[in-house]
Amino acid sequence: MLSTDTDILSAAQSWREAGRGVALATVIETWGSAPRPVGSHLIIDAEGNFLGSVSGGCVEGAVITEAVEVIEEGRPRILEFGVADETAWRVGLSCGGRIRVLVERVE
């Protein structure tokens, strides 16, 4: 089990060196009750494999889907999930807060 963000970033580097397409998702802003703090990381490969967490599981599926597209397209995205956003309820962010996640391809 990976215990720190440093471990997750090292794994991203190893995946990239092995020739895998990789995206890094990072929590860049939180408001209210948020499951993970700013700076939390999730790495995703082109096959949808992942390590880490940006939301304690409540929005990870949506982030993984977006990350696979970021790997293909190469353009970073900022995703926002919050209690007032109907998308947040669909993906399960019922904690009452808001999070913004930057998803970018690892080169």
C-alpha atoms as a PDB file:
ATOM      1  CA  MET A   1       0.000   0.000   0.000  1.00  0.00           C
ATOM      2  CA  LEU A   2       1.260   3.450  -0.882  1.00  0.00           C
ATOM      3  CA  SER A   3       1.356   5.654   2.159  1.00  0.00           C
ATOM      4  CA  THR A   4       2.448   9.084   0.949  1.00  0.00           C
ATOM      5  CA  ASP A   5       2.016  11.432  -1.983  1.00  0.00           C
ATOM      6  CA  THR A   6       5.753  10.980  -2.621  1.00  0.00           C
ATOM      7  CA  ASP A   7       5.154   7.245  -3.141  1.00  0.00           C
ATOM      8  CA  ILE A   8       2.317   8.021  -5.561  1.00  0.00           C
ATOM      9  CA  LEU A   9       4.456  10.461  -7.558  1.00  0.00           C
ATOM     10  CA  SER A  10       7.302   7.924  -7.682  1.00  0.00           C
ATOM     11  CA  ALA A  11       4.860   5.332  -9.002  1.00  0.00           C
ATOM     12  CA  ALA A  12       3.737   7.796 -11.701  1.00  0.00           C
ATOM     13  CA  GLN A  13       7.334   8.221 -12.783  1.00  0.00           C
ATOM     14  CA  SER A  14       7.853   4.437 -12.867  1.00  0.00           C
ATOM     15  CA  TRP A  15       4.669   3.931 -14.912  1.00  0.00           C
ATOM     16  CA  ARG A  16       5.790   6.608 -17.371  1.00  0.00           C
ATOM     17  CA  GLU A  17       9.289   5.105 -17.671  1.00  0.00           C
ATOM     18  CA  ALA A  18       7.618   1.752 -18.430  1.00  0.00           C
ATOM     19  CA  GLY A  19       5.925   3.379 -21.424  1.00  0.00           C
ATOM     20  CA  ARG A  20       2.464   3.770 -19.939  1.00  0.00           C
ATOM     21  CA  GLY A  21       0.343   6.853 -20.622  1.00  0.00           C
ATOM     22  CA  VAL A  22      -0.165   8.526 -17.249  1.00  0.00           C
ATOM     23  CA  ALA A  23      -2.244  11.379 -15.852  1.00  0.00           C
ATOM     24  CA  LEU A  24      -1.885  13.054 -12.492  1.00  0.00           C
ATOM     25  CA  ALA A  25      -4.951  14.387 -10.682  1.00  0.00           C
ATOM     26  CA  THR A  26      -4.303  16.853  -7.858  1.00  0.00           C
ATOM     27  CA  VAL A  27      -6.755  18.478  -5.462  1.00  0.00           C
ATOM     28  CA  ILE A  28      -6.124  22.201  -5.974  1.00  0.00           C
ATOM     29  CA  GLU A  29      -8.936  23.712  -3.915  1.00  0.00           C
ATOM     30  CA  THR A  30     -11.457  22.656  -1.295  1.00  0.00           C
ATOM     31  CA  TRP A  31     -14.336  24.423   0.387  1.00  0.00           C
ATOM     32  CA  GLY A  32     -16.410  23.198   3.297  1.00  0.00           C
ATOM     33  CA  SER A  33     -16.326  19.525   4.121  1.00  0.00           C
ATOM     34  CA  ALA A  34     -13.963  17.815   1.686  1.00  0.00           C
ATOM     35  CA  PRO A  35     -12.799  14.203   1.887  1.00  0.00           C
ATOM     36  CA  ARG A  36      -9.163  14.889   0.909  1.00  0.00           C
ATOM     37  CA  PRO A  37      -6.947  17.959   1.471  1.00  0.00           C
ATOM     38  CA  VAL A  38      -5.395  20.240  -1.116  1.00  0.00           C
ATOM     39  CA  GLY A  39      -2.343  18.546  -2.623  1.00  0.00           C
ATOM     40  CA  SER A  40      -3.787  15.031  -2.573  1.00  0.00           C
ATOM     41  CA  HIS A  41      -2.890  12.996  -5.668  1.00  0.00           C
ATOM     42  CA  LEU A  42      -4.354  10.269  -7.834  1.00  0.00           C
ATOM     43  CA  ILE A  43      -2.423   8.785 -10.752  1.00  0.00           C
ATOM     44  CA  ILE A  44      -4.198   7.074 -13.607  1.00  0.00           C
ATOM     45  CA  ASP A  45      -2.889   5.171 -16.615  1.00  0.00           C
ATOM     46  CA  ALA A  46      -4.458   4.907 -20.070  1.00  0.00           C
ATOM     47  CA  GLU A  47      -6.083   1.594 -19.102  1.00  0.00           C
ATOM     48  CA  GLY A  48      -7.852   3.145 -16.104  1.00  0.00           C
ATOM     49  CA  ASN A  49      -5.558   1.657 -13.443  1.00  0.00           C
ATOM     50  CA  PHE A  50      -5.003   4.066 -10.562  1.00  0.00           C
ATOM     51  CA  LEU A  51      -3.216   4.709  -7.266  1.00  0.00           C
ATOM     52  CA  GLY A  52      -3.913   7.332  -4.626  1.00  0.00           C
ATOM     53  CA  SER A  53      -7.037   9.322  -3.895  1.00  0.00           C
ATOM     54  CA  VAL A  54      -8.505  12.764  -4.495  1.00  0.00           C
ATOM     55  CA  SER A  55     -11.883  12.233  -2.900  1.00  0.00           C
ATOM     56  CA  GLY A  56     -11.982   9.261  -0.601  1.00  0.00           C
ATOM     57  CA  GLY A  57     -13.735   7.364  -3.373  1.00  0.00           C
ATOM     58  CA  CYS A  58     -16.796   9.544  -3.909  1.00  0.00           C
ATOM     59  CA  VAL A  59     -15.761  11.140  -7.225  1.00  0.00           C
ATOM     60  CA  GLU A  60     -12.814   9.014  -8.267  1.00  0.00           C
ATOM     61  CA  GLY A  61     -14.713   7.256 -11.081  1.00  0.00           C
ATOM     62  CA  ALA A  62     -15.462  10.560 -12.793  1.00  0.00           C
ATOM     63  CA  VAL A  63     -11.867  11.751 -12.361  1.00  0.00           C
ATOM     64  CA  ILE A  64     -10.509   8.496 -13.819  1.00  0.00           C
ATOM     65  CA  THR A  65     -12.780   8.805 -16.873  1.00  0.00           C
ATOM     66  CA  GLU A  66     -11.635  12.388 -17.471  1.00  0.00           C
ATOM     67  CA  ALA A  67      -7.986  11.423 -16.904  1.00  0.00           C
ATOM     68  CA  VAL A  68      -8.064   8.781 -19.646  1.00  0.00           C
ATOM     69  CA  GLU A  69      -9.262  11.505 -22.041  1.00  0.00           C
ATOM     70  CA  VAL A  70      -6.531  13.883 -20.821  1.00  0.00           C
ATOM     71  CA  ILE A  71      -3.919  11.206 -21.564  1.00  0.00           C
ATOM     72  CA  GLU A  72      -5.277  10.848 -25.111  1.00  0.00           C
ATOM     73  CA  GLU A  73      -5.721  14.574 -25.819  1.00  0.00           C
ATOM     74  CA  GLY A  74      -2.824  16.022 -23.841  1.00  0.00           C
ATOM     75  CA  ARG A  75      -4.846  19.029 -22.614  1.00  0.00           C
ATOM     76  CA  PRO A  76      -5.140  19.518 -18.846  1.00  0.00           C
ATOM     77  CA  ARG A  77      -8.563  19.997 -17.254  1.00  0.00           C
ATOM     78  CA  ILE A  78      -9.871  21.416 -14.028  1.00  0.00           C
ATOM     79  CA  LEU A  79     -12.815  19.462 -12.661  1.00  0.00           C
ATOM     80  CA  GLU A  80     -15.129  20.775  -9.979  1.00  0.00           C
ATOM     81  CA  PHE A  81     -17.467  18.765  -7.798  1.00  0.00           C
ATOM     82  CA  GLY A  82     -19.679  20.318  -5.162  1.00  0.00           C
ATOM     83  CA  VAL A  83     -22.869  19.993  -3.198  1.00  0.00           C
ATOM     84  CA  ALA A  84     -24.730  22.464  -5.445  1.00  0.00           C
ATOM     85  CA  ASP A  85     -23.584  20.692  -8.600  1.00  0.00           C
ATOM     86  CA  GLU A  86     -26.016  18.014  -9.811  1.00  0.00           C
ATOM     87  CA  THR A  87     -22.999  16.104 -11.158  1.00  0.00           C
ATOM     88  CA  ALA A  88     -21.648  15.864  -7.613  1.00  0.00           C
ATOM     89  CA  TRP A  89     -24.767  14.061  -6.451  1.00  0.00           C
ATOM     90  CA  ARG A  90     -24.634  11.744  -9.440  1.00  0.00           C
ATOM     91  CA  VAL A  91     -21.052  10.708  -8.596  1.00  0.00           C
ATOM     92  CA  GLY A  92     -21.663  10.635  -4.864  1.00  0.00           C
ATOM     93  CA  LEU A  93     -20.136  13.806  -3.369  1.00  0.00           C
ATOM     94  CA  SER A  94     -22.617  14.132  -0.551  1.00  0.00           C
ATOM     95  CA  CYS A  95     -20.182  15.459   2.052  1.00  0.00           C
ATOM     96  CA  GLY A  96     -21.459  19.018   1.645  1.00  0.00           C
ATOM     97  CA  GLY A  97     -18.254  20.556   0.329  1.00  0.00           C
ATOM     98  CA  ARG A  98     -16.623  21.391  -2.968  1.00  0.00           C
ATOM     99  CA  ILE A  99     -13.379  20.230  -4.517  1.00  0.00           C
ATOM    100  CA  ARG A 100     -11.456  21.329  -7.614  1.00  0.00           C
ATOM    101  CA  VAL A 101      -9.119  18.819  -9.216  1.00  0.00           C
ATOM    102  CA  LEU A 102      -6.445  19.523 -11.823  1.00  0.00           C
ATOM    103  CA  VAL A 103      -5.913  16.607 -14.202  1.00  0.00           C
ATOM    104  CA  GLU A 104      -2.804  16.720 -16.397  1.00  0.00           C
ATOM    105  CA  ARG A 105      -0.856  14.286 -18.525  1.00  0.00           C
ATOM    106  CA  VAL A 106       2.546  13.243 -17.175  1.00  0.00           C
ATOM    107  CA  GLU A 107       5.228  13.686 -19.830  1.00  0.00           C
END
